[in-house]
Amino acid sequence: ENLNALVDFWHEMELIIMAATQLSLSIDELDDEGESTSSSGTRRRWYILHGLAKTGCPEEISQLALALYPDQVRLMDHSGNLPLHIAASSHKASALADGTWQFNEHRNGTNKKESDVSSTPPMIKYLLKAYPEAGLELNAAGRYSINVAIAAGKTWLDGVGDIFHACPNVVLAGSLDKPTNLPSFLLASLVWQVEYISSSNEAKVGYPTRNNLGQLVTFQEEMRAKRNESSSIGSMWRYLPPESKARALKTAKSDIELIRTTTVFELLRAYPSIL
């Protein structure tokens, strides 16, 4: 009975992930090779691991999916991406918008290792553990996963560092990002200023808008400030006085600038002769 319930849960979850990633449930059949047939008769490849990499999922689901479908970590989807490429491009998790406690512990010089304060999404960590060589493979656009992550706005703390440590040869070999012809460190330094680097509309969340305090803030700055203040004083953001909000946003902006600078620094430190 428990097994049947688990199977039912997994099938329902697959349907939810398929709807979230394909924006459709028109796939009638899915064979063991991941080839799917839609009601229109067209065939395309769809894999649950790739879907989870795009939507993000809890740690336990990541482990279970990799245990059930270990071969999918090496398979490209119909767009020419491995699961690692997809997870690297996902904006579902970011150290910039995350609560600041991880970064504050690292910045304040506690004894914790950098890996202990990482905000890397679980899916990226487990994909790298299952198939670290994925970091050396190009997607259909000619991009390595580390540059996919950088172009998506990820930082050293939420994916870039983990991908580098799993397969440092991409950076150490002085490889250039094919779409931009830039080394990784330079891509990281420009990604927040040059909109065309990423083709994803979601990348625009990094650009500033004016809030009701008259400040120019990005989505990441506002989310980081809200989470930091809510966790530190246990109150809702809406009830904070304007001066407290302004102070929180200033701190979040400073943190984010330091995280981005750290990303550029670590990539350049890995291969300084690129200059």
C-alpha atoms as a PDB file:
ATOM      1  CA  GLU A   1       0.000   0.000   0.000  1.00  0.00           C
ATOM      2  CA  ASN A   2       2.813   2.418   0.887  1.00  0.00           C
ATOM      3  CA  LEU A   3       4.616   1.532  -2.334  1.00  0.00           C
ATOM      4  CA  ASN A   4       1.481   2.202  -4.385  1.00  0.00           C
ATOM      5  CA  ALA A   5       1.091   5.560  -2.671  1.00  0.00           C
ATOM      6  CA  LEU A   6       4.702   6.432  -3.474  1.00  0.00           C
ATOM      7  CA  VAL A   7       4.242   5.431  -7.128  1.00  0.00           C
ATOM      8  CA  ASP A   8       1.075   7.521  -7.343  1.00  0.00           C
ATOM      9  CA  PHE A   9       2.883  10.491  -5.801  1.00  0.00           C
ATOM     10  CA  TRP A  10       5.745  10.202  -8.262  1.00  0.00           C
ATOM     11  CA  HIS A  11       3.440   9.981 -11.290  1.00  0.00           C
ATOM     12  CA  GLU A  12       1.500  13.024 -10.090  1.00  0.00           C
ATOM     13  CA  MET A  13       4.732  14.930  -9.552  1.00  0.00           C
ATOM     14  CA  GLU A  14       5.908  14.038 -13.072  1.00  0.00           C
ATOM     15  CA  LEU A  15       2.674  15.488 -14.473  1.00  0.00           C
ATOM     16  CA  ILE A  16       3.144  18.679 -12.459  1.00  0.00           C
ATOM     17  CA  ILE A  17       6.766  19.062 -13.608  1.00  0.00           C
ATOM     18  CA  MET A  18       5.749  18.346 -17.207  1.00  0.00           C
ATOM     19  CA  ALA A  19       3.037  21.002 -17.031  1.00  0.00           C
ATOM     20  CA  ALA A  20       5.430  23.511 -15.468  1.00  0.00           C
ATOM     21  CA  THR A  21       8.222  22.957 -17.983  1.00  0.00           C
ATOM     22  CA  GLN A  22       6.313  22.109 -21.171  1.00  0.00           C
ATOM     23  CA  LEU A  23       3.274  24.332 -20.493  1.00  0.00           C
ATOM     24  CA  SER A  24       1.242  21.416 -21.750  1.00  0.00           C
ATOM     25  CA  LEU A  25       0.082  17.915 -20.884  1.00  0.00           C
ATOM     26  CA  SER A  26      -0.339  16.903 -24.522  1.00  0.00           C
ATOM     27  CA  ILE A  27       2.345  14.199 -24.286  1.00  0.00           C
ATOM     28  CA  ASP A  28       0.557  10.900 -24.687  1.00  0.00           C
ATOM     29  CA  GLU A  29       3.414   8.447 -24.332  1.00  0.00           C
ATOM     30  CA  LEU A  30       6.903   8.552 -22.886  1.00  0.00           C
ATOM     31  CA  ASP A  31       9.198   5.610 -23.568  1.00  0.00           C
ATOM     32  CA  ASP A  32      12.278   4.461 -21.633  1.00  0.00           C
ATOM     33  CA  GLU A  33      14.587   6.509 -23.844  1.00  0.00           C
ATOM     34  CA  GLY A  34      12.752   9.715 -23.030  1.00  0.00           C
ATOM     35  CA  GLU A  35      11.194  10.041 -26.492  1.00  0.00           C
ATOM     36  CA  SER A  36       7.730  11.519 -26.182  1.00  0.00           C
ATOM     37  CA  THR A  37       4.867  11.631 -28.635  1.00  0.00           C
ATOM     38  CA  SER A  38       2.448  14.534 -28.484  1.00  0.00           C
ATOM     39  CA  SER A  39      -1.154  14.401 -29.658  1.00  0.00           C
ATOM     40  CA  SER A  40      -0.063  16.259 -32.793  1.00  0.00           C
ATOM     41  CA  GLY A  41       2.241  13.393 -33.746  1.00  0.00           C
ATOM     42  CA  THR A  42       5.519  15.282 -33.263  1.00  0.00           C
ATOM     43  CA  ARG A  43       8.296  13.643 -31.283  1.00  0.00           C
ATOM     44  CA  ARG A  44      10.582  15.295 -28.821  1.00  0.00           C
ATOM     45  CA  ARG A  45      12.709  14.314 -25.868  1.00  0.00           C
ATOM     46  CA  TRP A  46      11.497  15.039 -22.338  1.00  0.00           C
ATOM     47  CA  TYR A  47      13.161  13.804 -19.162  1.00  0.00           C
ATOM     48  CA  ILE A  48      12.000  14.197 -15.576  1.00  0.00           C
ATOM     49  CA  LEU A  49      15.536  15.012 -14.411  1.00  0.00           C
ATOM     50  CA  HIS A  50      15.740  17.910 -16.860  1.00  0.00           C
ATOM     51  CA  GLY A  51      12.341  19.138 -15.688  1.00  0.00           C
ATOM     52  CA  LEU A  52      13.401  19.080 -12.047  1.00  0.00           C
ATOM     53  CA  ALA A  53      16.629  20.869 -12.942  1.00  0.00           C
ATOM     54  CA  LYS A  54      14.581  23.701 -14.436  1.00  0.00           C
ATOM     55  CA  THR A  55      11.959  24.079 -11.734  1.00  0.00           C
ATOM     56  CA  GLY A  56      14.147  23.421  -8.722  1.00  0.00           C
ATOM     57  CA  CYS A  57      13.246  20.854  -6.082  1.00  0.00           C
ATOM     58  CA  PRO A  58      13.979  19.844  -2.472  1.00  0.00           C
ATOM     59  CA  GLU A  59      17.133  17.922  -1.689  1.00  0.00           C
ATOM     60  CA  GLU A  60      15.285  14.645  -1.103  1.00  0.00           C
ATOM     61  CA  ILE A  61      13.554  14.795  -4.492  1.00  0.00           C
ATOM     62  CA  SER A  62      16.884  15.520  -6.187  1.00  0.00           C
ATOM     63  CA  GLN A  63      18.431  12.415  -4.661  1.00  0.00           C
ATOM     64  CA  LEU A  64      15.436  10.225  -5.472  1.00  0.00           C
ATOM     65  CA  ALA A  65      15.274  11.383  -9.099  1.00  0.00           C
ATOM     66  CA  LEU A  66      18.978  10.723  -9.607  1.00  0.00           C
ATOM     67  CA  ALA A  67      18.612   7.279  -8.034  1.00  0.00           C
ATOM     68  CA  LEU A  68      15.675   6.399 -10.301  1.00  0.00           C
ATOM     69  CA  TYR A  69      17.099   7.862 -13.517  1.00  0.00           C
ATOM     70  CA  PRO A  70      20.916   7.855 -13.220  1.00  0.00           C
ATOM     71  CA  ASP A  71      21.450   7.723 -16.999  1.00  0.00           C
ATOM     72  CA  GLN A  72      19.571  10.957 -17.616  1.00  0.00           C
ATOM     73  CA  VAL A  73      22.444  13.065 -16.257  1.00  0.00           C
ATOM     74  CA  ARG A  74      24.312  12.274 -19.506  1.00  0.00           C
ATOM     75  CA  LEU A  75      21.423  12.910 -21.886  1.00  0.00           C
ATOM     76  CA  MET A  76      20.721  16.085 -23.848  1.00  0.00           C
ATOM     77  CA  ASP A  77      17.136  17.275 -24.141  1.00  0.00           C
ATOM     78  CA  HIS A  78      15.538  18.447 -27.394  1.00  0.00           C
ATOM     79  CA  SER A  79      17.166  21.867 -26.916  1.00  0.00           C
ATOM     80  CA  GLY A  80      20.644  20.388 -26.598  1.00  0.00           C
ATOM     81  CA  ASN A  81      21.107  20.831 -22.849  1.00  0.00           C
ATOM     82  CA  LEU A  82      22.258  18.460 -20.144  1.00  0.00           C
ATOM     83  CA  PRO A  83      20.452  18.683 -16.788  1.00  0.00           C
ATOM     84  CA  LEU A  84      23.441  20.629 -15.433  1.00  0.00           C
ATOM     85  CA  HIS A  85      23.097  23.269 -18.156  1.00  0.00           C
ATOM     86  CA  ILE A  86      19.414  23.636 -17.288  1.00  0.00           C
ATOM     87  CA  ALA A  87      19.999  23.833 -13.534  1.00  0.00           C
ATOM     88  CA  ALA A  88      22.783  26.362 -14.096  1.00  0.00           C
ATOM     89  CA  SER A  89      20.443  28.599 -16.101  1.00  0.00           C
ATOM     90  CA  SER A  90      17.542  28.372 -13.643  1.00  0.00           C
ATOM     91  CA  HIS A  91      16.628  31.473 -11.648  1.00  0.00           C
ATOM     92  CA  LYS A  92      14.687  29.552  -9.034  1.00  0.00           C
ATOM     93  CA  ALA A  93      17.477  29.954  -6.478  1.00  0.00           C
ATOM     94  CA  SER A  94      20.011  32.715  -6.056  1.00  0.00           C
ATOM     95  CA  ALA A  95      22.479  33.727  -3.360  1.00  0.00           C
ATOM     96  CA  LEU A  96      21.729  37.330  -4.249  1.00  0.00           C
ATOM     97  CA  ALA A  97      18.041  37.145  -3.366  1.00  0.00           C
ATOM     98  CA  ASP A  98      18.558  34.587  -0.590  1.00  0.00           C
ATOM     99  CA  GLY A  99      18.664  35.462   3.093  1.00  0.00           C
ATOM    100  CA  THR A 100      21.962  37.037   4.101  1.00  0.00           C
ATOM    101  CA  TRP A 101      22.923  34.750   6.967  1.00  0.00           C
ATOM    102  CA  GLN A 102      25.068  32.474   4.786  1.00  0.00           C
ATOM    103  CA  PHE A 103      27.055  35.366   3.372  1.00  0.00           C
ATOM    104  CA  ASN A 104      27.285  37.225   6.669  1.00  0.00           C
ATOM    105  CA  GLU A 105      28.884  34.229   8.387  1.00  0.00           C
ATOM    106  CA  HIS A 106      31.408  33.966   5.595  1.00  0.00           C
ATOM    107  CA  ARG A 107      32.090  37.703   5.514  1.00  0.00           C
ATOM    108  CA  ASN A 108      32.428  38.064   9.272  1.00  0.00           C
ATOM    109  CA  GLY A 109      35.311  35.628   9.367  1.00  0.00           C
ATOM    110  CA  THR A 110      33.854  32.676  11.244  1.00  0.00           C
ATOM    111  CA  ASN A 111      35.510  29.279  11.035  1.00  0.00           C
ATOM    112  CA  LYS A 112      33.049  27.913   8.508  1.00  0.00           C
ATOM    113  CA  LYS A 113      34.359  26.740   5.175  1.00  0.00           C
ATOM    114  CA  GLU A 114      33.141  28.412   2.008  1.00  0.00           C
ATOM    115  CA  SER A 115      31.287  25.235   1.058  1.00  0.00           C
ATOM    116  CA  ASP A 116      29.341  25.469   4.320  1.00  0.00           C
ATOM    117  CA  VAL A 117      27.936  28.893   3.419  1.00  0.00           C
ATOM    118  CA  SER A 118      27.103  28.049  -0.189  1.00  0.00           C
ATOM    119  CA  SER A 119      23.603  28.772  -1.448  1.00  0.00           C
ATOM    120  CA  THR A 120      23.968  26.423  -4.405  1.00  0.00           C
ATOM    121  CA  PRO A 121      20.632  24.779  -5.320  1.00  0.00           C
ATOM    122  CA  PRO A 122      20.569  21.077  -4.304  1.00  0.00           C
ATOM    123  CA  MET A 123      20.012  19.953  -7.898  1.00  0.00           C
ATOM    124  CA  ILE A 124      23.299  21.482  -9.067  1.00  0.00           C
ATOM    125  CA  LYS A 125      25.200  19.866  -6.210  1.00  0.00           C
ATOM    126  CA  TYR A 126      23.808  16.386  -6.833  1.00  0.00           C
ATOM    127  CA  LEU A 127      24.137  16.617 -10.611  1.00  0.00           C
ATOM    128  CA  LEU A 128      27.803  17.514 -10.205  1.00  0.00           C
ATOM    129  CA  LYS A 129      28.297  14.667  -7.764  1.00  0.00           C
ATOM    130  CA  ALA A 130      26.660  12.168 -10.135  1.00  0.00           C
ATOM    131  CA  TYR A 131      28.378  13.397 -13.291  1.00  0.00           C
ATOM    132  CA  PRO A 132      31.097  16.036 -12.729  1.00  0.00           C
ATOM    133  CA  GLU A 133      32.256  15.644 -16.341  1.00  0.00           C
ATOM    134  CA  ALA A 134      29.079  17.447 -17.394  1.00  0.00           C
ATOM    135  CA  GLY A 135      30.945  20.652 -16.647  1.00  0.00           C
ATOM    136  CA  LEU A 136      33.237  19.905 -19.581  1.00  0.00           C
ATOM    137  CA  GLU A 137      30.412  19.441 -22.081  1.00  0.00           C
ATOM    138  CA  LEU A 138      29.063  22.174 -24.325  1.00  0.00           C
ATOM    139  CA  ASN A 139      25.357  22.714 -24.865  1.00  0.00           C
ATOM    140  CA  ALA A 140      23.791  23.384 -28.253  1.00  0.00           C
ATOM    141  CA  ALA A 141      24.698  27.079 -27.952  1.00  0.00           C
ATOM    142  CA  GLY A 142      28.358  26.191 -27.442  1.00  0.00           C
ATOM    143  CA  ARG A 143      28.392  27.119 -23.756  1.00  0.00           C
ATOM    144  CA  TYR A 144      29.919  25.363 -20.765  1.00  0.00           C
ATOM    145  CA  SER A 145      27.715  25.069 -17.685  1.00  0.00           C
ATOM    146  CA  ILE A 146      29.884  27.474 -15.679  1.00  0.00           C
ATOM    147  CA  ASN A 147      29.312  30.204 -18.262  1.00  0.00           C
ATOM    148  CA  VAL A 148      25.620  29.308 -18.475  1.00  0.00           C
ATOM    149  CA  ALA A 149      25.433  29.880 -14.707  1.00  0.00           C
ATOM    150  CA  ILE A 150      27.328  33.171 -14.931  1.00  0.00           C
ATOM    151  CA  ALA A 151      25.144  34.449 -17.784  1.00  0.00           C
ATOM    152  CA  ALA A 152      22.053  33.545 -15.745  1.00  0.00           C
ATOM    153  CA  GLY A 153      23.282  35.783 -12.929  1.00  0.00           C
ATOM    154  CA  LYS A 154      24.526  33.101 -10.564  1.00  0.00           C
ATOM    155  CA  THR A 155      27.519  33.844  -8.373  1.00  0.00           C
ATOM    156  CA  TRP A 156      30.398  32.013  -6.747  1.00  0.00           C
ATOM    157  CA  LEU A 157      28.116  31.202  -3.804  1.00  0.00           C
ATOM    158  CA  ASP A 158      25.150  29.729  -5.644  1.00  0.00           C
ATOM    159  CA  GLY A 159      26.572  27.494  -8.332  1.00  0.00           C
ATOM    160  CA  VAL A 160      29.607  28.993 -10.068  1.00  0.00           C
ATOM    161  CA  GLY A 161      32.020  27.941  -7.332  1.00  0.00           C
ATOM    162  CA  ASP A 162      30.651  24.401  -7.159  1.00  0.00           C
ATOM    163  CA  ILE A 163      30.850  23.953 -10.928  1.00  0.00           C
ATOM    164  CA  PHE A 164      34.412  25.292 -10.970  1.00  0.00           C
ATOM    165  CA  HIS A 165      35.585  22.948  -8.210  1.00  0.00           C
ATOM    166  CA  ALA A 166      33.963  19.967  -9.952  1.00  0.00           C
ATOM    167  CA  CYS A 167      35.631  20.696 -13.298  1.00  0.00           C
ATOM    168  CA  PRO A 168      38.188  23.546 -13.074  1.00  0.00           C
ATOM    169  CA  ASN A 169      39.752  22.765 -16.450  1.00  0.00           C
ATOM    170  CA  VAL A 170      37.222  24.911 -18.321  1.00  0.00           C
ATOM    171  CA  VAL A 171      38.582  28.032 -16.621  1.00  0.00           C
ATOM    172  CA  LEU A 172      42.171  26.805 -16.213  1.00  0.00           C
ATOM    173  CA  ALA A 173      42.423  26.121 -19.939  1.00  0.00           C
ATOM    174  CA  GLY A 174      41.537  29.728 -20.683  1.00  0.00           C
ATOM    175  CA  SER A 175      38.394  28.718 -22.571  1.00  0.00           C
ATOM    176  CA  LEU A 176      36.283  31.557 -23.928  1.00  0.00           C
ATOM    177  CA  ASP A 177      32.507  31.737 -23.835  1.00  0.00           C
ATOM    178  CA  LYS A 178      31.478  31.065 -27.420  1.00  0.00           C
ATOM    179  CA  PRO A 179      28.448  33.396 -27.715  1.00  0.00           C
ATOM    180  CA  THR A 180      30.379  36.378 -26.287  1.00  0.00           C
ATOM    181  CA  ASN A 181      34.018  35.396 -26.889  1.00  0.00           C
ATOM    182  CA  LEU A 182      34.772  36.426 -23.298  1.00  0.00           C
ATOM    183  CA  PRO A 183      36.644  34.595 -20.518  1.00  0.00           C
ATOM    184  CA  SER A 184      34.535  33.605 -17.537  1.00  0.00           C
ATOM    185  CA  PHE A 185      35.746  36.352 -15.206  1.00  0.00           C
ATOM    186  CA  LEU A 186      34.964  39.075 -17.742  1.00  0.00           C
ATOM    187  CA  LEU A 187      31.569  37.569 -18.468  1.00  0.00           C
ATOM    188  CA  ALA A 188      30.840  37.712 -14.738  1.00  0.00           C
ATOM    189  CA  SER A 189      31.918  41.344 -14.518  1.00  0.00           C
ATOM    190  CA  LEU A 190      29.667  42.410 -17.378  1.00  0.00           C
ATOM    191  CA  VAL A 191      26.620  40.204 -17.014  1.00  0.00           C
ATOM    192  CA  TRP A 192      24.709  42.664 -14.849  1.00  0.00           C
ATOM    193  CA  GLN A 193      25.355  45.600 -17.159  1.00  0.00           C
ATOM    194  CA  VAL A 194      24.975  44.035 -20.603  1.00  0.00           C
ATOM    195  CA  GLU A 195      21.441  42.776 -21.202  1.00  0.00           C
ATOM    196  CA  TYR A 196      22.125  40.868 -24.402  1.00  0.00           C
ATOM    197  CA  ILE A 197      24.527  38.411 -22.748  1.00  0.00           C
ATOM    198  CA  SER A 198      21.595  36.259 -21.660  1.00  0.00           C
ATOM    199  CA  SER A 199      18.679  35.412 -23.915  1.00  0.00           C
ATOM    200  CA  SER A 200      16.446  34.677 -20.914  1.00  0.00           C
ATOM    201  CA  ASN A 201      13.793  37.248 -20.037  1.00  0.00           C
ATOM    202  CA  GLU A 202      14.217  36.228 -16.408  1.00  0.00           C
ATOM    203  CA  ALA A 203      17.679  37.797 -16.434  1.00  0.00           C
ATOM    204  CA  LYS A 204      15.977  41.184 -16.419  1.00  0.00           C
ATOM    205  CA  VAL A 205      15.191  40.767 -12.715  1.00  0.00           C
ATOM    206  CA  GLY A 206      18.733  42.047 -12.145  1.00  0.00           C
ATOM    207  CA  TYR A 207      17.882  45.477 -13.504  1.00  0.00           C
ATOM    208  CA  PRO A 208      16.728  48.248 -11.172  1.00  0.00           C
ATOM    209  CA  THR A 209      13.253  49.687 -10.775  1.00  0.00           C
ATOM    210  CA  ARG A 210      12.136  52.538  -8.527  1.00  0.00           C
ATOM    211  CA  ASN A 211      10.433  51.426  -5.301  1.00  0.00           C
ATOM    212  CA  ASN A 212       7.899  53.356  -3.225  1.00  0.00           C
ATOM    213  CA  LEU A 213      10.751  54.912  -1.239  1.00  0.00           C
ATOM    214  CA  GLY A 214      12.064  56.539  -4.383  1.00  0.00           C
ATOM    215  CA  GLN A 215      15.136  54.272  -4.459  1.00  0.00           C
ATOM    216  CA  LEU A 216      16.449  52.422  -7.513  1.00  0.00           C
ATOM    217  CA  VAL A 217      16.607  48.787  -6.382  1.00  0.00           C
ATOM    218  CA  THR A 218      16.810  45.403  -8.084  1.00  0.00           C
ATOM    219  CA  PHE A 219      14.615  42.419  -7.336  1.00  0.00           C
ATOM    220  CA  GLN A 220      17.544  40.695  -5.617  1.00  0.00           C
ATOM    221  CA  GLU A 221      18.258  43.686  -3.410  1.00  0.00           C
ATOM    222  CA  GLU A 222      14.666  43.989  -2.293  1.00  0.00           C
ATOM    223  CA  MET A 223      14.224  40.260  -1.614  1.00  0.00           C
ATOM    224  CA  ARG A 224      17.518  40.062   0.247  1.00  0.00           C
ATOM    225  CA  ALA A 225      16.614  43.055   2.400  1.00  0.00           C
ATOM    226  CA  LYS A 226      13.167  41.669   3.196  1.00  0.00           C
ATOM    227  CA  ARG A 227      14.444  38.241   4.187  1.00  0.00           C
ATOM    228  CA  ASN A 228      17.299  39.627   6.237  1.00  0.00           C
ATOM    229  CA  GLU A 229      15.123  42.027   8.209  1.00  0.00           C
ATOM    230  CA  SER A 230      12.326  39.512   8.705  1.00  0.00           C
ATOM    231  CA  SER A 231      14.705  36.895  10.072  1.00  0.00           C
ATOM    232  CA  SER A 232      16.656  39.277  12.296  1.00  0.00           C
ATOM    233  CA  ILE A 233      13.804  41.087  14.028  1.00  0.00           C
ATOM    234  CA  GLY A 234      10.926  38.704  13.436  1.00  0.00           C
ATOM    235  CA  SER A 235       8.611  41.285  11.929  1.00  0.00           C
ATOM    236  CA  MET A 236       6.961  41.816   8.582  1.00  0.00           C
ATOM    237  CA  TRP A 237       8.616  44.091   6.041  1.00  0.00           C
ATOM    238  CA  ARG A 238       5.460  46.129   5.475  1.00  0.00           C
ATOM    239  CA  TYR A 239       5.443  47.357   9.085  1.00  0.00           C
ATOM    240  CA  LEU A 240       9.028  48.608   9.131  1.00  0.00           C
ATOM    241  CA  PRO A 241       9.506  52.386   9.141  1.00  0.00           C
ATOM    242  CA  PRO A 242      10.860  53.903   5.903  1.00  0.00           C
ATOM    243  CA  GLU A 243      14.281  54.643   7.396  1.00  0.00           C
ATOM    244  CA  SER A 244      14.682  50.979   8.427  1.00  0.00           C
ATOM    245  CA  LYS A 245      13.724  49.803   4.954  1.00  0.00           C
ATOM    246  CA  ALA A 246      16.169  52.223   3.352  1.00  0.00           C
ATOM    247  CA  ARG A 247      18.944  51.031   5.662  1.00  0.00           C
ATOM    248  CA  ALA A 248      18.152  47.371   4.927  1.00  0.00           C
ATOM    249  CA  LEU A 249      18.166  47.994   1.171  1.00  0.00           C
ATOM    250  CA  LYS A 250      21.520  49.760   1.415  1.00  0.00           C
ATOM    251  CA  THR A 251      23.009  46.812   3.308  1.00  0.00           C
ATOM    252  CA  ALA A 252      21.580  44.327   0.803  1.00  0.00           C
ATOM    253  CA  LYS A 253      23.015  46.335  -2.087  1.00  0.00           C
ATOM    254  CA  SER A 254      26.436  46.352  -0.447  1.00  0.00           C
ATOM    255  CA  ASP A 255      26.291  42.592   0.175  1.00  0.00           C
ATOM    256  CA  ILE A 256      25.301  41.882  -3.417  1.00  0.00           C
ATOM    257  CA  GLU A 257      28.061  44.055  -4.836  1.00  0.00           C
ATOM    258  CA  LEU A 258      30.577  42.191  -2.680  1.00  0.00           C
ATOM    259  CA  ILE A 259      29.221  38.788  -3.760  1.00  0.00           C
ATOM    260  CA  ARG A 260      29.514  39.770  -7.419  1.00  0.00           C
ATOM    261  CA  THR A 261      33.015  41.132  -6.912  1.00  0.00           C
ATOM    262  CA  THR A 262      33.993  37.914  -5.144  1.00  0.00           C
ATOM    263  CA  THR A 263      32.759  35.917  -8.148  1.00  0.00           C
ATOM    264  CA  VAL A 264      34.925  37.921 -10.553  1.00  0.00           C
ATOM    265  CA  PHE A 265      37.895  37.742  -8.186  1.00  0.00           C
ATOM    266  CA  GLU A 266      37.716  33.962  -7.700  1.00  0.00           C
ATOM    267  CA  LEU A 267      37.445  33.321 -11.440  1.00  0.00           C
ATOM    268  CA  LEU A 268      40.357  35.630 -12.183  1.00  0.00           C
ATOM    269  CA  ARG A 269      42.435  34.171  -9.356  1.00  0.00           C
ATOM    270  CA  ALA A 270      41.900  30.705 -10.836  1.00  0.00           C
ATOM    271  CA  TYR A 271      43.567  31.737 -14.092  1.00  0.00           C
ATOM    272  CA  PRO A 272      45.311  35.134 -13.804  1.00  0.00           C
ATOM    273  CA  SER A 273      47.380  34.602 -16.958  1.00  0.00           C
ATOM    274  CA  ILE A 274      44.197  35.117 -18.986  1.00  0.00           C
ATOM    275  CA  LEU A 275      44.924  38.854 -18.744  1.00  0.00           C
END
